[in-house]
Amino acid sequence: PFTFGRGTAYFRISELLKATNIIDFKIRGAYGAAGVPPHEFDGTYYARQTTFGTIQLGTGSGLFLQNIAGNSDLKVQTVKELEIGTDFAFKTNFKNWFPRISLSATYWKKNNNDIIQYVDLPPSSGVAQKRDNLIDLELKGIDLSLDVDVLKTENVEWNFGVRFGTFKTKVLKVANGRDFVAGLFVVKEGESLGNFYAVTPLTSISQSRPDKTAYIDPNDAANYEIVNGMVVNKTTKRAMLTDPNDQSVVGNAYPKFNMSFINTFTFFKNLNVLHL
């Protein structure tokens, strides 16, 4: 069993102000923590123990050693989040157009620790993999919103909203400091999560490999030229690429930001039309 704490607090400044146009002005904060048990990773309730599997053998049953070993040191995955924000709403002196405007801003930070992944084991161990707490992540983001009562009459109402969000995920730790490869993604310590890595064109004729050896022999440098920022062989017209073990970030799976616009129209207080 585990115990995780949480708490929220806010201070409503608008209650101290005597401004009649300010509907709400609030500063708020929240903190929460939670645990994710190991079986949530792949549905295996005995992830800390090595168990036998069963197989049908004729009219009987047989036991076999499964290819994923148990890990008695497996820990609960933890999530901790801190959120700080403000809400501000005020009414204008206009009767029908823009009578009310509301704004909201939130900064949040989340830490995911002891994330479970599969670890490949040597064939001599008798199993293919085991589950282990390999990765720690840090997420930071900002959420902004704007809501405006654009038009308010007896028969027609028009409400407009904007939502904006952005976040970035950084890999704080990878077990043993080794890169973790998951398909096209490589989880590198100190780098952003979701990065795509690939070989890239050389940008300099004197460019070196990670081991300090030159990609192009200085004696052959005259056979190459820079075209559109890339090193190109003058004879074959082919761009020269880095080695498979010398890859660079070429993109990220996550968008830089998300944004949406919402329009809601109400006619005669009965018919609602929503447009995103």
C-alpha atoms as a PDB file:
ATOM      1  CA  PRO A   1       0.000   0.000   0.000  1.00  0.00           C
ATOM      2  CA  PHE A   2       1.002   3.587  -0.696  1.00  0.00           C
ATOM      3  CA  THR A   3      -0.280   6.950   0.451  1.00  0.00           C
ATOM      4  CA  PHE A   4      -0.194   9.930  -1.886  1.00  0.00           C
ATOM      5  CA  GLY A   5      -1.123  13.465  -0.930  1.00  0.00           C
ATOM      6  CA  ARG A   6      -3.025  16.140  -2.733  1.00  0.00           C
ATOM      7  CA  GLY A   7      -4.240  19.641  -1.974  1.00  0.00           C
ATOM      8  CA  THR A   8      -5.779  22.721  -3.559  1.00  0.00           C
ATOM      9  CA  ALA A   9      -5.887  26.353  -2.488  1.00  0.00           C
ATOM     10  CA  TYR A  10      -7.091  29.615  -3.953  1.00  0.00           C
ATOM     11  CA  PHE A  11      -7.363  33.262  -3.033  1.00  0.00           C
ATOM     12  CA  ARG A  12     -10.240  35.254  -4.499  1.00  0.00           C
ATOM     13  CA  ILE A  13      -8.935  38.829  -4.796  1.00  0.00           C
ATOM     14  CA  SER A  14     -12.236  40.021  -6.251  1.00  0.00           C
ATOM     15  CA  GLU A  15     -13.879  39.681  -2.833  1.00  0.00           C
ATOM     16  CA  LEU A  16     -11.547  42.362  -1.475  1.00  0.00           C
ATOM     17  CA  LEU A  17     -12.081  44.747  -4.360  1.00  0.00           C
ATOM     18  CA  LYS A  18     -15.047  47.017  -4.672  1.00  0.00           C
ATOM     19  CA  ALA A  19     -14.904  47.273  -8.455  1.00  0.00           C
ATOM     20  CA  THR A  20     -18.396  46.511  -9.737  1.00  0.00           C
ATOM     21  CA  ASN A  21     -17.147  45.513 -13.191  1.00  0.00           C
ATOM     22  CA  ILE A  22     -14.890  42.720 -11.894  1.00  0.00           C
ATOM     23  CA  ILE A  23     -16.925  39.513 -11.668  1.00  0.00           C
ATOM     24  CA  ASP A  24     -14.115  37.224 -10.543  1.00  0.00           C
ATOM     25  CA  PHE A  25     -10.366  37.532  -9.929  1.00  0.00           C
ATOM     26  CA  LYS A  26      -8.756  34.464  -8.427  1.00  0.00           C
ATOM     27  CA  ILE A  27      -5.266  33.021  -7.911  1.00  0.00           C
ATOM     28  CA  ARG A  28      -5.201  29.253  -7.474  1.00  0.00           C
ATOM     29  CA  GLY A  29      -2.773  26.410  -6.945  1.00  0.00           C
ATOM     30  CA  ALA A  30      -2.965  22.644  -6.670  1.00  0.00           C
ATOM     31  CA  TYR A  31      -0.662  19.719  -5.998  1.00  0.00           C
ATOM     32  CA  GLY A  32      -1.372  16.042  -6.406  1.00  0.00           C
ATOM     33  CA  ALA A  33       0.484  12.747  -6.460  1.00  0.00           C
ATOM     34  CA  ALA A  34      -0.587   9.273  -7.525  1.00  0.00           C
ATOM     35  CA  GLY A  35       0.847   5.828  -7.987  1.00  0.00           C
ATOM     36  CA  VAL A  36       0.490   3.507 -10.960  1.00  0.00           C
ATOM     37  CA  PRO A  37       0.914  -0.174  -9.944  1.00  0.00           C
ATOM     38  CA  PRO A  38       3.145  -2.362 -12.136  1.00  0.00           C
ATOM     39  CA  HIS A  39       0.258  -4.439 -13.509  1.00  0.00           C
ATOM     40  CA  GLU A  40      -1.092  -1.317 -15.260  1.00  0.00           C
ATOM     41  CA  PHE A  41       1.907  -1.528 -17.604  1.00  0.00           C
ATOM     42  CA  ASP A  42       0.927  -4.744 -19.384  1.00  0.00           C
ATOM     43  CA  GLY A  43      -1.842  -6.304 -17.302  1.00  0.00           C
ATOM     44  CA  THR A  44       0.447  -8.783 -15.510  1.00  0.00           C
ATOM     45  CA  TYR A  45      -0.481  -8.931 -11.812  1.00  0.00           C
ATOM     46  CA  TYR A  46       2.596 -10.996 -10.881  1.00  0.00           C
ATOM     47  CA  ALA A  47       5.158  -8.737 -12.547  1.00  0.00           C
ATOM     48  CA  ARG A  48       7.458  -9.012  -9.498  1.00  0.00           C
ATOM     49  CA  GLN A  49       7.542 -12.820  -9.695  1.00  0.00           C
ATOM     50  CA  THR A  50       8.639 -15.268 -12.343  1.00  0.00           C
ATOM     51  CA  THR A  51       5.656 -17.500 -13.072  1.00  0.00           C
ATOM     52  CA  PHE A  52       4.967 -20.459 -15.325  1.00  0.00           C
ATOM     53  CA  GLY A  53       2.680 -20.345 -18.322  1.00  0.00           C
ATOM     54  CA  THR A  54       0.316 -23.158 -19.266  1.00  0.00           C
ATOM     55  CA  ILE A  55      -0.096 -24.941 -22.564  1.00  0.00           C
ATOM     56  CA  GLN A  56      -2.450 -27.661 -23.790  1.00  0.00           C
ATOM     57  CA  LEU A  57      -0.680 -30.984 -24.367  1.00  0.00           C
ATOM     58  CA  GLY A  58      -3.129 -33.498 -25.834  1.00  0.00           C
ATOM     59  CA  THR A  59      -5.744 -34.060 -23.166  1.00  0.00           C
ATOM     60  CA  GLY A  60      -3.557 -32.622 -20.422  1.00  0.00           C
ATOM     61  CA  SER A  61      -1.763 -29.401 -19.568  1.00  0.00           C
ATOM     62  CA  GLY A  62       1.906 -28.503 -19.426  1.00  0.00           C
ATOM     63  CA  LEU A  63       3.934 -25.754 -17.823  1.00  0.00           C
ATOM     64  CA  PHE A  64       6.608 -23.644 -19.465  1.00  0.00           C
ATOM     65  CA  LEU A  65       8.928 -20.844 -18.399  1.00  0.00           C
ATOM     66  CA  GLN A  66       7.661 -17.582 -19.873  1.00  0.00           C
ATOM     67  CA  ASN A  67      10.024 -15.373 -21.890  1.00  0.00           C
ATOM     68  CA  ILE A  68       9.512 -12.346 -19.598  1.00  0.00           C
ATOM     69  CA  ALA A  69      11.117 -12.738 -16.179  1.00  0.00           C
ATOM     70  CA  GLY A  70       9.712 -11.320 -12.962  1.00  0.00           C
ATOM     71  CA  ASN A  71      11.529  -8.498 -11.199  1.00  0.00           C
ATOM     72  CA  SER A  72      11.307  -8.483  -7.399  1.00  0.00           C
ATOM     73  CA  ASP A  73      12.746  -4.940  -7.318  1.00  0.00           C
ATOM     74  CA  LEU A  74       9.985  -3.490  -9.522  1.00  0.00           C
ATOM     75  CA  LYS A  75       8.643  -0.260  -8.001  1.00  0.00           C
ATOM     76  CA  VAL A  76       5.375   1.583  -8.349  1.00  0.00           C
ATOM     77  CA  GLN A  77       5.358   4.278 -11.032  1.00  0.00           C
ATOM     78  CA  THR A  78       4.663   7.683  -9.481  1.00  0.00           C
ATOM     79  CA  VAL A  79       3.131  10.858 -10.885  1.00  0.00           C
ATOM     80  CA  LYS A  80       3.426  14.243  -9.149  1.00  0.00           C
ATOM     81  CA  GLU A  81       1.892  17.436 -10.539  1.00  0.00           C
ATOM     82  CA  LEU A  82       1.959  21.091  -9.487  1.00  0.00           C
ATOM     83  CA  GLU A  83      -0.430  23.618 -11.024  1.00  0.00           C
ATOM     84  CA  ILE A  84      -0.562  27.412 -10.585  1.00  0.00           C
ATOM     85  CA  GLY A  85      -3.051  29.649 -12.322  1.00  0.00           C
ATOM     86  CA  THR A  86      -5.373  32.616 -12.326  1.00  0.00           C
ATOM     87  CA  ASP A  87      -8.918  33.369 -13.479  1.00  0.00           C
ATOM     88  CA  PHE A  88     -10.190  36.815 -14.342  1.00  0.00           C
ATOM     89  CA  ALA A  89     -13.683  37.777 -15.518  1.00  0.00           C
ATOM     90  CA  PHE A  90     -15.180  41.217 -15.932  1.00  0.00           C
ATOM     91  CA  LYS A  91     -18.202  42.845 -17.466  1.00  0.00           C
ATOM     92  CA  THR A  92     -18.132  45.866 -19.712  1.00  0.00           C
ATOM     93  CA  ASN A  93     -20.511  48.792 -19.897  1.00  0.00           C
ATOM     94  CA  PHE A  94     -21.853  47.651 -23.263  1.00  0.00           C
ATOM     95  CA  LYS A  95     -25.412  46.381 -23.311  1.00  0.00           C
ATOM     96  CA  ASN A  96     -25.442  43.906 -26.222  1.00  0.00           C
ATOM     97  CA  TRP A  97     -21.926  43.615 -27.663  1.00  0.00           C
ATOM     98  CA  PHE A  98     -19.092  42.174 -25.547  1.00  0.00           C
ATOM     99  CA  PRO A  99     -20.884  42.442 -22.203  1.00  0.00           C
ATOM    100  CA  ARG A 100     -18.605  39.869 -20.509  1.00  0.00           C
ATOM    101  CA  ILE A 101     -14.995  38.691 -21.011  1.00  0.00           C
ATOM    102  CA  SER A 102     -13.224  35.884 -19.112  1.00  0.00           C
ATOM    103  CA  LEU A 103      -9.551  34.904 -19.149  1.00  0.00           C
ATOM    104  CA  SER A 104      -7.743  31.959 -17.583  1.00  0.00           C
ATOM    105  CA  ALA A 105      -4.045  31.030 -17.435  1.00  0.00           C
ATOM    106  CA  THR A 106      -2.420  27.929 -15.954  1.00  0.00           C
ATOM    107  CA  TYR A 107       1.196  26.816 -15.599  1.00  0.00           C
ATOM    108  CA  TRP A 108       1.700  23.159 -14.726  1.00  0.00           C
ATOM    109  CA  LYS A 109       4.623  20.868 -14.055  1.00  0.00           C
ATOM    110  CA  LYS A 110       4.437  17.087 -13.841  1.00  0.00           C
ATOM    111  CA  ASN A 111       7.057  14.473 -12.932  1.00  0.00           C
ATOM    112  CA  ASN A 112       6.651  10.847 -13.952  1.00  0.00           C
ATOM    113  CA  ASN A 113       9.168   8.697 -12.096  1.00  0.00           C
ATOM    114  CA  ASP A 114      10.138   5.022 -12.297  1.00  0.00           C
ATOM    115  CA  ILE A 115       8.326   4.462 -15.608  1.00  0.00           C
ATOM    116  CA  ILE A 116       8.296   0.767 -16.455  1.00  0.00           C
ATOM    117  CA  GLN A 117       9.592  -0.570 -19.781  1.00  0.00           C
ATOM    118  CA  TYR A 118      10.885  -3.894 -21.070  1.00  0.00           C
ATOM    119  CA  VAL A 119      14.625  -4.606 -20.829  1.00  0.00           C
ATOM    120  CA  ASP A 120      16.231  -7.048 -23.283  1.00  0.00           C
ATOM    121  CA  LEU A 121      18.268  -9.780 -21.571  1.00  0.00           C
ATOM    122  CA  PRO A 122      21.049 -11.999 -22.966  1.00  0.00           C
ATOM    123  CA  PRO A 123      19.945 -15.409 -24.341  1.00  0.00           C
ATOM    124  CA  SER A 124      22.074 -17.102 -21.680  1.00  0.00           C
ATOM    125  CA  SER A 125      19.600 -15.901 -19.036  1.00  0.00           C
ATOM    126  CA  GLY A 126      16.924 -18.239 -20.404  1.00  0.00           C
ATOM    127  CA  VAL A 127      14.422 -15.420 -20.907  1.00  0.00           C
ATOM    128  CA  ALA A 128      14.089 -12.642 -23.468  1.00  0.00           C
ATOM    129  CA  GLN A 129      13.109  -9.656 -21.310  1.00  0.00           C
ATOM    130  CA  LYS A 130      12.144  -8.332 -17.906  1.00  0.00           C
ATOM    131  CA  ARG A 131      10.184  -5.317 -16.705  1.00  0.00           C
ATOM    132  CA  ASP A 132      12.158  -2.580 -14.955  1.00  0.00           C
ATOM    133  CA  ASN A 133      11.806   1.023 -13.806  1.00  0.00           C
ATOM    134  CA  LEU A 134      13.852   2.696 -16.494  1.00  0.00           C
ATOM    135  CA  ILE A 135      12.752   6.269 -17.162  1.00  0.00           C
ATOM    136  CA  ASP A 136      12.023   9.529 -15.317  1.00  0.00           C
ATOM    137  CA  LEU A 137      10.227  12.321 -17.204  1.00  0.00           C
ATOM    138  CA  GLU A 138       9.516  15.987 -16.520  1.00  0.00           C
ATOM    139  CA  LEU A 139       6.641  17.753 -18.275  1.00  0.00           C
ATOM    140  CA  LYS A 140       6.034  21.501 -18.270  1.00  0.00           C
ATOM    141  CA  GLY A 141       3.160  23.263 -19.940  1.00  0.00           C
ATOM    142  CA  ILE A 142       0.957  26.339 -20.195  1.00  0.00           C
ATOM    143  CA  ASP A 143      -2.800  26.451 -20.862  1.00  0.00           C
ATOM    144  CA  LEU A 144      -4.568  29.684 -21.803  1.00  0.00           C
ATOM    145  CA  SER A 145      -8.240  30.339 -22.483  1.00  0.00           C
ATOM    146  CA  LEU A 146     -10.369  33.308 -23.485  1.00  0.00           C
ATOM    147  CA  ASP A 147     -14.177  33.366 -23.424  1.00  0.00           C
ATOM    148  CA  VAL A 148     -16.173  36.310 -24.731  1.00  0.00           C
ATOM    149  CA  ASP A 149     -19.897  36.958 -24.800  1.00  0.00           C
ATOM    150  CA  VAL A 150     -19.785  38.605 -28.211  1.00  0.00           C
ATOM    151  CA  LEU A 151     -23.509  39.301 -28.583  1.00  0.00           C
ATOM    152  CA  LYS A 152     -26.351  38.995 -26.106  1.00  0.00           C
ATOM    153  CA  THR A 153     -29.897  39.931 -27.129  1.00  0.00           C
ATOM    154  CA  GLU A 154     -33.329  38.570 -26.314  1.00  0.00           C
ATOM    155  CA  ASN A 155     -33.385  36.208 -29.306  1.00  0.00           C
ATOM    156  CA  VAL A 156     -29.731  35.743 -30.282  1.00  0.00           C
ATOM    157  CA  GLU A 157     -26.614  34.900 -28.256  1.00  0.00           C
ATOM    158  CA  TRP A 158     -23.104  34.493 -29.628  1.00  0.00           C
ATOM    159  CA  ASN A 159     -20.280  33.168 -27.426  1.00  0.00           C
ATOM    160  CA  PHE A 160     -16.691  32.912 -28.629  1.00  0.00           C
ATOM    161  CA  GLY A 161     -13.824  30.958 -27.043  1.00  0.00           C
ATOM    162  CA  VAL A 162     -10.119  30.395 -27.664  1.00  0.00           C
ATOM    163  CA  ARG A 163      -8.052  27.547 -26.194  1.00  0.00           C
ATOM    164  CA  PHE A 164      -4.253  27.434 -26.345  1.00  0.00           C
ATOM    165  CA  GLY A 165      -1.931  24.829 -24.882  1.00  0.00           C
ATOM    166  CA  THR A 166       1.731  23.992 -25.140  1.00  0.00           C
ATOM    167  CA  PHE A 167       4.011  21.599 -23.270  1.00  0.00           C
ATOM    168  CA  LYS A 168       7.432  20.028 -23.421  1.00  0.00           C
ATOM    169  CA  THR A 169       8.609  16.700 -22.056  1.00  0.00           C
ATOM    170  CA  LYS A 170      12.225  16.206 -20.975  1.00  0.00           C
ATOM    171  CA  VAL A 171      13.853  12.871 -20.182  1.00  0.00           C
ATOM    172  CA  LEU A 172      15.492  13.335 -16.794  1.00  0.00           C
ATOM    173  CA  LYS A 173      16.918   9.852 -16.396  1.00  0.00           C
ATOM    174  CA  VAL A 174      17.339   6.614 -18.288  1.00  0.00           C
ATOM    175  CA  ALA A 175      18.534   3.612 -16.287  1.00  0.00           C
ATOM    176  CA  ASN A 176      22.295   3.086 -16.605  1.00  0.00           C
ATOM    177  CA  GLY A 177      22.481   6.199 -18.811  1.00  0.00           C
ATOM    178  CA  ARG A 178      21.811   4.098 -21.904  1.00  0.00           C
ATOM    179  CA  ASP A 179      19.568   5.287 -24.741  1.00  0.00           C
ATOM    180  CA  PHE A 180      16.229   3.502 -24.868  1.00  0.00           C
ATOM    181  CA  VAL A 181      15.041   2.649 -28.385  1.00  0.00           C
ATOM    182  CA  ALA A 182      11.298   2.288 -29.049  1.00  0.00           C
ATOM    183  CA  GLY A 183      10.611   1.909 -32.764  1.00  0.00           C
ATOM    184  CA  LEU A 184      11.526   5.154 -34.548  1.00  0.00           C
ATOM    185  CA  PHE A 185      11.975   6.951 -31.242  1.00  0.00           C
ATOM    186  CA  VAL A 186      15.087   7.104 -29.121  1.00  0.00           C
ATOM    187  CA  VAL A 187      14.709   8.117 -25.476  1.00  0.00           C
ATOM    188  CA  LYS A 188      17.883   9.986 -24.590  1.00  0.00           C
ATOM    189  CA  GLU A 189      18.754  11.309 -21.173  1.00  0.00           C
ATOM    190  CA  GLY A 190      18.536  15.107 -21.140  1.00  0.00           C
ATOM    191  CA  GLU A 191      16.648  15.280 -24.463  1.00  0.00           C
ATOM    192  CA  SER A 192      12.994  15.897 -25.325  1.00  0.00           C
ATOM    193  CA  LEU A 193      10.655  12.926 -25.443  1.00  0.00           C
ATOM    194  CA  GLY A 194       9.302  12.060 -28.885  1.00  0.00           C
ATOM    195  CA  ASN A 195      12.377  13.082 -30.872  1.00  0.00           C
ATOM    196  CA  PHE A 196      12.997  11.439 -34.252  1.00  0.00           C
ATOM    197  CA  TYR A 197      16.637  10.579 -34.901  1.00  0.00           C
ATOM    198  CA  ALA A 198      18.097   9.907 -38.352  1.00  0.00           C
ATOM    199  CA  VAL A 199      21.287  10.189 -40.365  1.00  0.00           C
ATOM    200  CA  THR A 200      21.694  13.676 -41.814  1.00  0.00           C
ATOM    201  CA  PRO A 201      23.710  15.237 -44.665  1.00  0.00           C
ATOM    202  CA  LEU A 202      27.179  16.494 -43.872  1.00  0.00           C
ATOM    203  CA  THR A 203      27.309  20.273 -43.565  1.00  0.00           C
ATOM    204  CA  SER A 204      31.074  20.674 -43.687  1.00  0.00           C
ATOM    205  CA  ILE A 205      33.757  18.969 -45.790  1.00  0.00           C
ATOM    206  CA  SER A 206      35.930  18.783 -42.656  1.00  0.00           C
ATOM    207  CA  GLN A 207      33.127  17.325 -40.489  1.00  0.00           C
ATOM    208  CA  SER A 208      34.232  14.604 -38.068  1.00  0.00           C
ATOM    209  CA  ARG A 209      32.614  11.508 -36.586  1.00  0.00           C
ATOM    210  CA  PRO A 210      31.973  11.218 -32.825  1.00  0.00           C
ATOM    211  CA  ASP A 211      35.343   9.442 -32.524  1.00  0.00           C
ATOM    212  CA  LYS A 212      37.045  12.513 -34.108  1.00  0.00           C
ATOM    213  CA  THR A 213      37.896  10.772 -37.394  1.00  0.00           C
ATOM    214  CA  ALA A 214      37.128  12.730 -40.577  1.00  0.00           C
ATOM    215  CA  TYR A 215      34.211  11.686 -42.769  1.00  0.00           C
ATOM    216  CA  ILE A 216      36.120  12.801 -45.856  1.00  0.00           C
ATOM    217  CA  ASP A 217      39.841  12.213 -46.276  1.00  0.00           C
ATOM    218  CA  PRO A 218      41.561  15.623 -46.543  1.00  0.00           C
ATOM    219  CA  ASN A 219      43.312  14.344 -49.670  1.00  0.00           C
ATOM    220  CA  ASP A 220      39.905  13.876 -51.346  1.00  0.00           C
ATOM    221  CA  ALA A 221      38.392  17.177 -50.195  1.00  0.00           C
ATOM    222  CA  ALA A 222      38.656  18.671 -53.694  1.00  0.00           C
ATOM    223  CA  ASN A 223      36.137  16.074 -54.940  1.00  0.00           C
ATOM    224  CA  TYR A 224      33.348  17.575 -52.800  1.00  0.00           C
ATOM    225  CA  GLU A 225      31.477  20.868 -52.646  1.00  0.00           C
ATOM    226  CA  ILE A 226      28.759  22.540 -50.533  1.00  0.00           C
ATOM    227  CA  VAL A 227      25.349  22.708 -52.254  1.00  0.00           C
ATOM    228  CA  ASN A 228      22.375  24.182 -50.369  1.00  0.00           C
ATOM    229  CA  GLY A 229      24.231  23.667 -47.108  1.00  0.00           C
ATOM    230  CA  MET A 230      25.032  19.972 -47.822  1.00  0.00           C
ATOM    231  CA  VAL A 231      28.287  18.255 -48.789  1.00  0.00           C
ATOM    232  CA  VAL A 232      27.873  16.801 -52.296  1.00  0.00           C
ATOM    233  CA  ASN A 233      30.179  14.577 -54.333  1.00  0.00           C
ATOM    234  CA  LYS A 234      31.071  16.487 -57.526  1.00  0.00           C
ATOM    235  CA  THR A 235      31.085  13.318 -59.619  1.00  0.00           C
ATOM    236  CA  THR A 236      28.055  11.380 -58.378  1.00  0.00           C
ATOM    237  CA  LYS A 237      26.061  14.485 -57.308  1.00  0.00           C
ATOM    238  CA  ARG A 238      25.041  12.568 -54.156  1.00  0.00           C
ATOM    239  CA  ALA A 239      24.821  14.149 -50.734  1.00  0.00           C
ATOM    240  CA  MET A 240      27.123  12.611 -48.138  1.00  0.00           C
ATOM    241  CA  LEU A 241      25.395  11.322 -45.000  1.00  0.00           C
ATOM    242  CA  THR A 242      26.539  10.677 -41.462  1.00  0.00           C
ATOM    243  CA  ASP A 243      27.060   7.125 -40.182  1.00  0.00           C
ATOM    244  CA  PRO A 244      24.167   5.145 -38.633  1.00  0.00           C
ATOM    245  CA  ASN A 245      25.748   5.637 -35.199  1.00  0.00           C
ATOM    246  CA  ASP A 246      25.954   9.424 -35.708  1.00  0.00           C
ATOM    247  CA  GLN A 247      22.330  10.515 -35.887  1.00  0.00           C
ATOM    248  CA  SER A 248      20.725  13.872 -35.147  1.00  0.00           C
ATOM    249  CA  VAL A 249      17.258  15.086 -34.196  1.00  0.00           C
ATOM    250  CA  VAL A 250      15.169  15.630 -37.349  1.00  0.00           C
ATOM    251  CA  GLY A 251      11.765  16.230 -35.738  1.00  0.00           C
ATOM    252  CA  ASN A 252       9.444  15.589 -32.827  1.00  0.00           C
ATOM    253  CA  ALA A 253       6.184  13.663 -32.606  1.00  0.00           C
ATOM    254  CA  TYR A 254       4.480  16.262 -30.429  1.00  0.00           C
ATOM    255  CA  PRO A 255       3.125  19.573 -31.782  1.00  0.00           C
ATOM    256  CA  LYS A 256       4.628  22.839 -30.589  1.00  0.00           C
ATOM    257  CA  PHE A 257       1.192  23.948 -29.461  1.00  0.00           C
ATOM    258  CA  ASN A 258      -2.517  23.161 -29.745  1.00  0.00           C
ATOM    259  CA  MET A 259      -5.081  25.853 -30.442  1.00  0.00           C
ATOM    260  CA  SER A 260      -8.819  25.853 -31.050  1.00  0.00           C
ATOM    261  CA  PHE A 261     -11.571  28.395 -31.670  1.00  0.00           C
ATOM    262  CA  ILE A 262     -15.134  27.789 -30.486  1.00  0.00           C
ATOM    263  CA  ASN A 263     -18.238  29.654 -31.583  1.00  0.00           C
ATOM    264  CA  THR A 264     -21.629  28.953 -29.986  1.00  0.00           C
ATOM    265  CA  PHE A 265     -24.830  30.508 -31.321  1.00  0.00           C
ATOM    266  CA  THR A 266     -28.179  30.330 -29.518  1.00  0.00           C
ATOM    267  CA  PHE A 267     -31.383  31.339 -31.306  1.00  0.00           C
ATOM    268  CA  PHE A 268     -34.606  32.063 -29.448  1.00  0.00           C
ATOM    269  CA  LYS A 269     -33.135  30.358 -26.334  1.00  0.00           C
ATOM    270  CA  ASN A 270     -33.889  26.893 -27.768  1.00  0.00           C
ATOM    271  CA  LEU A 271     -31.611  26.211 -30.749  1.00  0.00           C
ATOM    272  CA  ASN A 272     -27.855  25.844 -30.129  1.00  0.00           C
ATOM    273  CA  VAL A 273     -25.310  25.777 -32.966  1.00  0.00           C
ATOM    274  CA  LEU A 274     -21.704  24.890 -32.058  1.00  0.00           C
ATOM    275  CA  HIS A 275     -18.848  25.511 -34.436  1.00  0.00           C
ATOM    276  CA  LEU A 276     -15.242  24.503 -33.678  1.00  0.00           C
END
